[in-house]
Amino acid sequence: MRCNEPGHRAVVALPASRGPSFPQARDWIVRLTNTITYARQLSTAAFAHPMTTGHNKAVVRAFVEAVNQKDWRRFDELIAPDFVRHSSTFGQPQIRSRDQLRDFLAGEVGTFPDAHETIHFLVAEGDMVAVHSGFRGTQRGPMGSFPASGRALSADFMSIYRLEDGRIAEAWDEWDRLSGLI
């Protein structure tokens, strides 16, 4: 008996003699069932969090869409609990957990209730995904020391995401905050 890929076809070799006895046939059926169950478990485990570049890009797209839709439940599924964000952009807070990132983004929603991120393109290699995005939103709340202006902010920015176990574990974000003042 062996399990062949793909599709988990199992092959049982029966003796060429008069055929198996009932107990032998029952044993073969039990072994066959166990082999199929084991193969399915292996398949499920292997593909639960495939770390292909296509899958990683899909996770990043889903993350951007969750933030655009303010779907914080989906956000929690896509971001690792010990997430870390790096940014050298002036005034950006240090973010060291999924909860801190969610609070930061929810605060941005207060400033830009109509905020929307558009992905221009993604490039992936290994566990990293680089994204060139555009942001657009109307400043209806304070942004740092700047009071609400009612003006539309439009800015491009770059992000690099590192994925681990099918979730975003780390990000590097940079954008030109001065474009928001013009």
C-alpha atoms as a PDB file:
ATOM      1  CA  MET A   1       0.000   0.000   0.000  1.00  0.00           C
ATOM      2  CA  ARG A   2       1.305   3.464  -0.845  1.00  0.00           C
ATOM      3  CA  CYS A   3      -0.062   6.995  -1.191  1.00  0.00           C
ATOM      4  CA  ASN A   4       0.727   8.740  -4.493  1.00  0.00           C
ATOM      5  CA  GLU A   5       0.718  12.483  -5.126  1.00  0.00           C
ATOM      6  CA  PRO A   6      -1.273  14.425  -6.323  1.00  0.00           C
ATOM      7  CA  GLY A   7      -4.808  13.878  -5.153  1.00  0.00           C
ATOM      8  CA  HIS A   8      -3.835  11.349  -2.464  1.00  0.00           C
ATOM      9  CA  ARG A   9      -4.570   8.242  -4.532  1.00  0.00           C
ATOM     10  CA  ALA A  10      -3.903   5.171  -2.471  1.00  0.00           C
ATOM     11  CA  VAL A  11      -2.958   1.902  -4.133  1.00  0.00           C
ATOM     12  CA  VAL A  12      -3.522  -1.415  -2.387  1.00  0.00           C
ATOM     13  CA  ALA A  13      -1.694  -4.400  -3.811  1.00  0.00           C
ATOM     14  CA  LEU A  14      -3.808  -7.525  -3.323  1.00  0.00           C
ATOM     15  CA  PRO A  15      -2.179 -10.968  -3.599  1.00  0.00           C
ATOM     16  CA  ALA A  16      -2.660 -12.664  -6.982  1.00  0.00           C
ATOM     17  CA  SER A  17      -3.919 -15.830  -5.283  1.00  0.00           C
ATOM     18  CA  ARG A  18      -7.552 -16.611  -4.577  1.00  0.00           C
ATOM     19  CA  GLY A  19      -7.954 -13.264  -2.831  1.00  0.00           C
ATOM     20  CA  PRO A  20      -7.697 -12.045   0.719  1.00  0.00           C
ATOM     21  CA  SER A  21      -9.591 -13.466   3.603  1.00  0.00           C
ATOM     22  CA  PHE A  22     -12.142 -11.227   5.289  1.00  0.00           C
ATOM     23  CA  PRO A  23      -9.791 -10.318   8.192  1.00  0.00           C
ATOM     24  CA  GLN A  24      -6.983  -9.500   5.719  1.00  0.00           C
ATOM     25  CA  ALA A  25      -9.308  -7.343   3.615  1.00  0.00           C
ATOM     26  CA  ARG A  26     -10.558  -5.563   6.731  1.00  0.00           C
ATOM     27  CA  ASP A  27      -6.955  -4.896   7.829  1.00  0.00           C
ATOM     28  CA  TRP A  28      -6.088  -3.530   4.367  1.00  0.00           C
ATOM     29  CA  ILE A  29      -9.148  -1.270   4.398  1.00  0.00           C
ATOM     30  CA  VAL A  30      -8.234   0.035   7.859  1.00  0.00           C
ATOM     31  CA  ARG A  31      -4.629   0.677   6.734  1.00  0.00           C
ATOM     32  CA  LEU A  32      -5.879   2.336   3.547  1.00  0.00           C
ATOM     33  CA  THR A  33      -8.221   4.587   5.533  1.00  0.00           C
ATOM     34  CA  ASN A  34      -5.400   5.502   7.936  1.00  0.00           C
ATOM     35  CA  THR A  35      -3.067   6.262   5.012  1.00  0.00           C
ATOM     36  CA  ILE A  36      -5.632   8.535   3.367  1.00  0.00           C
ATOM     37  CA  THR A  37      -6.325  10.306   6.669  1.00  0.00           C
ATOM     38  CA  TYR A  38      -2.596  10.774   7.271  1.00  0.00           C
ATOM     39  CA  ALA A  39      -2.036  12.113   3.737  1.00  0.00           C
ATOM     40  CA  ARG A  40      -4.861  14.629   4.174  1.00  0.00           C
ATOM     41  CA  GLN A  41      -3.400  15.764   7.493  1.00  0.00           C
ATOM     42  CA  LEU A  42      -0.001  16.251   5.887  1.00  0.00           C
ATOM     43  CA  SER A  43      -1.582  18.175   3.028  1.00  0.00           C
ATOM     44  CA  THR A  44      -3.526  20.424   5.396  1.00  0.00           C
ATOM     45  CA  ALA A  45      -0.473  21.104   7.556  1.00  0.00           C
ATOM     46  CA  ALA A  46       1.729  21.833   4.553  1.00  0.00           C
ATOM     47  CA  PHE A  47      -0.698  24.320   3.056  1.00  0.00           C
ATOM     48  CA  ALA A  48      -2.154  25.943   6.182  1.00  0.00           C
ATOM     49  CA  HIS A  49       0.287  28.858   5.846  1.00  0.00           C
ATOM     50  CA  PRO A  50       2.057  28.471   2.537  1.00  0.00           C
ATOM     51  CA  MET A  51       4.865  30.971   2.373  1.00  0.00           C
ATOM     52  CA  THR A  52       4.826  31.523  -1.369  1.00  0.00           C
ATOM     53  CA  THR A  53       5.328  35.006  -2.737  1.00  0.00           C
ATOM     54  CA  GLY A  54       1.825  34.886  -4.231  1.00  0.00           C
ATOM     55  CA  HIS A  55       0.309  34.000  -0.868  1.00  0.00           C
ATOM     56  CA  ASN A  56       2.328  36.705   0.898  1.00  0.00           C
ATOM     57  CA  LYS A  57       1.147  39.318  -1.617  1.00  0.00           C
ATOM     58  CA  ALA A  58      -2.454  38.176  -1.065  1.00  0.00           C
ATOM     59  CA  VAL A  59      -2.037  38.609   2.718  1.00  0.00           C
ATOM     60  CA  VAL A  60      -0.752  42.170   2.234  1.00  0.00           C
ATOM     61  CA  ARG A  61      -3.637  42.977  -0.149  1.00  0.00           C
ATOM     62  CA  ALA A  62      -6.102  41.561   2.393  1.00  0.00           C
ATOM     63  CA  PHE A  63      -4.497  43.683   5.127  1.00  0.00           C
ATOM     64  CA  VAL A  64      -4.835  46.889   3.077  1.00  0.00           C
ATOM     65  CA  GLU A  65      -8.452  46.016   2.277  1.00  0.00           C
ATOM     66  CA  ALA A  66      -9.216  45.280   5.952  1.00  0.00           C
ATOM     67  CA  VAL A  67      -7.834  48.693   6.954  1.00  0.00           C
ATOM     68  CA  ASN A  68      -9.747  50.426   4.119  1.00  0.00           C
ATOM     69  CA  GLN A  69     -12.974  48.745   5.298  1.00  0.00           C
ATOM     70  CA  LYS A  70     -12.115  49.299   8.974  1.00  0.00           C
ATOM     71  CA  ASP A  71     -12.568  45.547   9.474  1.00  0.00           C
ATOM     72  CA  TRP A  72     -10.595  45.199  12.704  1.00  0.00           C
ATOM     73  CA  ARG A  73     -11.563  41.545  13.190  1.00  0.00           C
ATOM     74  CA  ARG A  74     -10.008  40.647   9.816  1.00  0.00           C
ATOM     75  CA  PHE A  75      -7.065  42.928  10.658  1.00  0.00           C
ATOM     76  CA  ASP A  76      -6.398  40.830  13.799  1.00  0.00           C
ATOM     77  CA  GLU A  77      -6.310  37.652  11.691  1.00  0.00           C
ATOM     78  CA  LEU A  78      -3.684  39.104   9.335  1.00  0.00           C
ATOM     79  CA  ILE A  79      -1.296  40.774  11.811  1.00  0.00           C
ATOM     80  CA  ALA A  80       0.939  38.848  14.222  1.00  0.00           C
ATOM     81  CA  PRO A  81       0.364  39.729  17.913  1.00  0.00           C
ATOM     82  CA  ASP A  82       4.029  40.748  18.348  1.00  0.00           C
ATOM     83  CA  PHE A  83       4.023  42.923  15.210  1.00  0.00           C
ATOM     84  CA  VAL A  84       6.707  45.655  14.963  1.00  0.00           C
ATOM     85  CA  ARG A  85       6.583  48.723  12.714  1.00  0.00           C
ATOM     86  CA  HIS A  86       9.697  50.711  11.837  1.00  0.00           C
ATOM     87  CA  SER A  87       9.545  54.250  10.466  1.00  0.00           C
ATOM     88  CA  SER A  88      12.025  57.096  10.340  1.00  0.00           C
ATOM     89  CA  THR A  89       9.309  59.501   9.173  1.00  0.00           C
ATOM     90  CA  PHE A  90       9.260  62.416  11.620  1.00  0.00           C
ATOM     91  CA  GLY A  91       6.548  62.154  14.250  1.00  0.00           C
ATOM     92  CA  GLN A  92       5.656  58.505  13.664  1.00  0.00           C
ATOM     93  CA  PRO A  93       5.086  56.617  16.928  1.00  0.00           C
ATOM     94  CA  GLN A  94       6.945  53.445  17.824  1.00  0.00           C
ATOM     95  CA  ILE A  95       4.634  50.493  17.286  1.00  0.00           C
ATOM     96  CA  ARG A  96       5.540  47.207  18.961  1.00  0.00           C
ATOM     97  CA  SER A  97       2.339  45.130  18.856  1.00  0.00           C
ATOM     98  CA  ARG A  98      -0.756  44.386  16.818  1.00  0.00           C
ATOM     99  CA  ASP A  99      -2.857  46.249  19.403  1.00  0.00           C
ATOM    100  CA  GLN A 100      -0.709  49.371  19.101  1.00  0.00           C
ATOM    101  CA  LEU A 101      -0.963  49.253  15.306  1.00  0.00           C
ATOM    102  CA  ARG A 102      -4.752  48.853  15.465  1.00  0.00           C
ATOM    103  CA  ASP A 103      -5.003  51.820  17.893  1.00  0.00           C
ATOM    104  CA  PHE A 104      -2.761  53.935  15.629  1.00  0.00           C
ATOM    105  CA  LEU A 105      -4.805  53.128  12.513  1.00  0.00           C
ATOM    106  CA  ALA A 106      -8.101  53.677  14.343  1.00  0.00           C
ATOM    107  CA  GLY A 107      -6.741  57.101  15.387  1.00  0.00           C
ATOM    108  CA  GLU A 108      -5.940  57.859  11.736  1.00  0.00           C
ATOM    109  CA  VAL A 109      -9.563  57.029  10.912  1.00  0.00           C
ATOM    110  CA  GLY A 110     -10.558  59.761  13.371  1.00  0.00           C
ATOM    111  CA  THR A 111      -8.329  62.211  11.516  1.00  0.00           C
ATOM    112  CA  PHE A 112      -9.207  60.954   8.019  1.00  0.00           C
ATOM    113  CA  PRO A 113     -12.651  59.286   8.194  1.00  0.00           C
ATOM    114  CA  ASP A 114     -12.684  58.751   4.415  1.00  0.00           C
ATOM    115  CA  ALA A 115      -9.103  57.439   4.291  1.00  0.00           C
ATOM    116  CA  HIS A 116      -8.347  55.025   1.486  1.00  0.00           C
ATOM    117  CA  GLU A 117      -5.109  53.310   0.513  1.00  0.00           C
ATOM    118  CA  THR A 118      -4.585  52.207  -3.071  1.00  0.00           C
ATOM    119  CA  ILE A 119      -1.880  49.700  -3.941  1.00  0.00           C
ATOM    120  CA  HIS A 120       0.038  50.783  -7.039  1.00  0.00           C
ATOM    121  CA  PHE A 121       2.205  47.657  -7.158  1.00  0.00           C
ATOM    122  CA  LEU A 122       3.683  44.884  -5.037  1.00  0.00           C
ATOM    123  CA  VAL A 123       6.993  43.046  -5.368  1.00  0.00           C
ATOM    124  CA  ALA A 124       7.701  39.949  -3.306  1.00  0.00           C
ATOM    125  CA  GLU A 125      10.701  37.798  -2.570  1.00  0.00           C
ATOM    126  CA  GLY A 126      10.824  35.114   0.089  1.00  0.00           C
ATOM    127  CA  ASP A 127       8.985  36.312   3.190  1.00  0.00           C
ATOM    128  CA  MET A 128       9.120  40.010   2.186  1.00  0.00           C
ATOM    129  CA  VAL A 129       6.600  42.085   0.221  1.00  0.00           C
ATOM    130  CA  ALA A 130       7.423  45.631  -0.950  1.00  0.00           C
ATOM    131  CA  VAL A 131       4.468  47.877  -1.719  1.00  0.00           C
ATOM    132  CA  HIS A 132       4.162  51.260  -3.416  1.00  0.00           C
ATOM    133  CA  SER A 133       0.841  52.741  -2.308  1.00  0.00           C
ATOM    134  CA  GLY A 134      -1.130  55.930  -2.438  1.00  0.00           C
ATOM    135  CA  PHE A 135      -3.143  57.435   0.402  1.00  0.00           C
ATOM    136  CA  ARG A 136      -6.033  59.805   0.073  1.00  0.00           C
ATOM    137  CA  GLY A 137      -8.228  61.223   2.806  1.00  0.00           C
ATOM    138  CA  THR A 138      -9.858  64.414   4.056  1.00  0.00           C
ATOM    139  CA  GLN A 139      -8.449  65.803   7.308  1.00  0.00           C
ATOM    140  CA  ARG A 140     -11.525  66.088   9.531  1.00  0.00           C
ATOM    141  CA  GLY A 141      -9.632  65.740  12.811  1.00  0.00           C
ATOM    142  CA  PRO A 142      -6.313  66.935  14.244  1.00  0.00           C
ATOM    143  CA  MET A 143      -3.085  65.524  12.831  1.00  0.00           C
ATOM    144  CA  GLY A 144      -0.467  65.930  15.540  1.00  0.00           C
ATOM    145  CA  SER A 145      -0.297  69.641  16.280  1.00  0.00           C
ATOM    146  CA  PHE A 146      -2.230  70.551  13.105  1.00  0.00           C
ATOM    147  CA  PRO A 147      -5.963  71.179  13.626  1.00  0.00           C
ATOM    148  CA  ALA A 148      -8.556  69.755  11.256  1.00  0.00           C
ATOM    149  CA  SER A 149      -8.302  71.570   7.934  1.00  0.00           C
ATOM    150  CA  GLY A 150     -11.011  69.961   5.820  1.00  0.00           C
ATOM    151  CA  ARG A 151      -8.392  69.618   3.075  1.00  0.00           C
ATOM    152  CA  ALA A 152      -7.762  66.443   1.120  1.00  0.00           C
ATOM    153  CA  LEU A 153      -4.397  64.826   1.722  1.00  0.00           C
ATOM    154  CA  SER A 154      -2.890  62.743  -1.027  1.00  0.00           C
ATOM    155  CA  ALA A 155       0.500  61.081  -0.630  1.00  0.00           C
ATOM    156  CA  ASP A 156       2.445  58.145  -1.982  1.00  0.00           C
ATOM    157  CA  PHE A 157       4.396  55.930   0.377  1.00  0.00           C
ATOM    158  CA  MET A 158       6.487  52.789   0.460  1.00  0.00           C
ATOM    159  CA  SER A 159       6.084  49.844   2.790  1.00  0.00           C
ATOM    160  CA  ILE A 160       8.018  46.634   3.180  1.00  0.00           C
ATOM    161  CA  TYR A 161       6.266  43.821   5.034  1.00  0.00           C
ATOM    162  CA  ARG A 162       7.816  40.679   6.492  1.00  0.00           C
ATOM    163  CA  LEU A 163       5.510  37.717   6.914  1.00  0.00           C
ATOM    164  CA  GLU A 164       5.822  34.880   9.376  1.00  0.00           C
ATOM    165  CA  ASP A 165       3.440  31.929   9.681  1.00  0.00           C
ATOM    166  CA  GLY A 166       1.020  33.516   7.219  1.00  0.00           C
ATOM    167  CA  ARG A 167       0.745  36.827   9.113  1.00  0.00           C
ATOM    168  CA  ILE A 168       2.401  40.203   8.817  1.00  0.00           C
ATOM    169  CA  ALA A 169       5.037  40.282  11.559  1.00  0.00           C
ATOM    170  CA  GLU A 170       7.014  43.407  10.722  1.00  0.00           C
ATOM    171  CA  ALA A 171       6.763  46.507   8.521  1.00  0.00           C
ATOM    172  CA  TRP A 172       8.922  49.396   7.396  1.00  0.00           C
ATOM    173  CA  ASP A 173       6.869  52.440   6.285  1.00  0.00           C
ATOM    174  CA  GLU A 174       8.128  55.714   4.865  1.00  0.00           C
ATOM    175  CA  TRP A 175       6.278  58.662   3.356  1.00  0.00           C
ATOM    176  CA  ASP A 176       6.787  62.355   2.835  1.00  0.00           C
ATOM    177  CA  ARG A 177       4.703  64.100   5.504  1.00  0.00           C
ATOM    178  CA  LEU A 178       5.494  67.484   3.985  1.00  0.00           C
ATOM    179  CA  SER A 179       3.230  66.640   1.033  1.00  0.00           C
ATOM    180  CA  GLY A 180       0.350  66.836   3.511  1.00  0.00           C
ATOM    181  CA  LEU A 181       1.106  70.456   4.239  1.00  0.00           C
ATOM    182  CA  ILE A 182       1.032  71.647   0.620  1.00  0.00           C
END
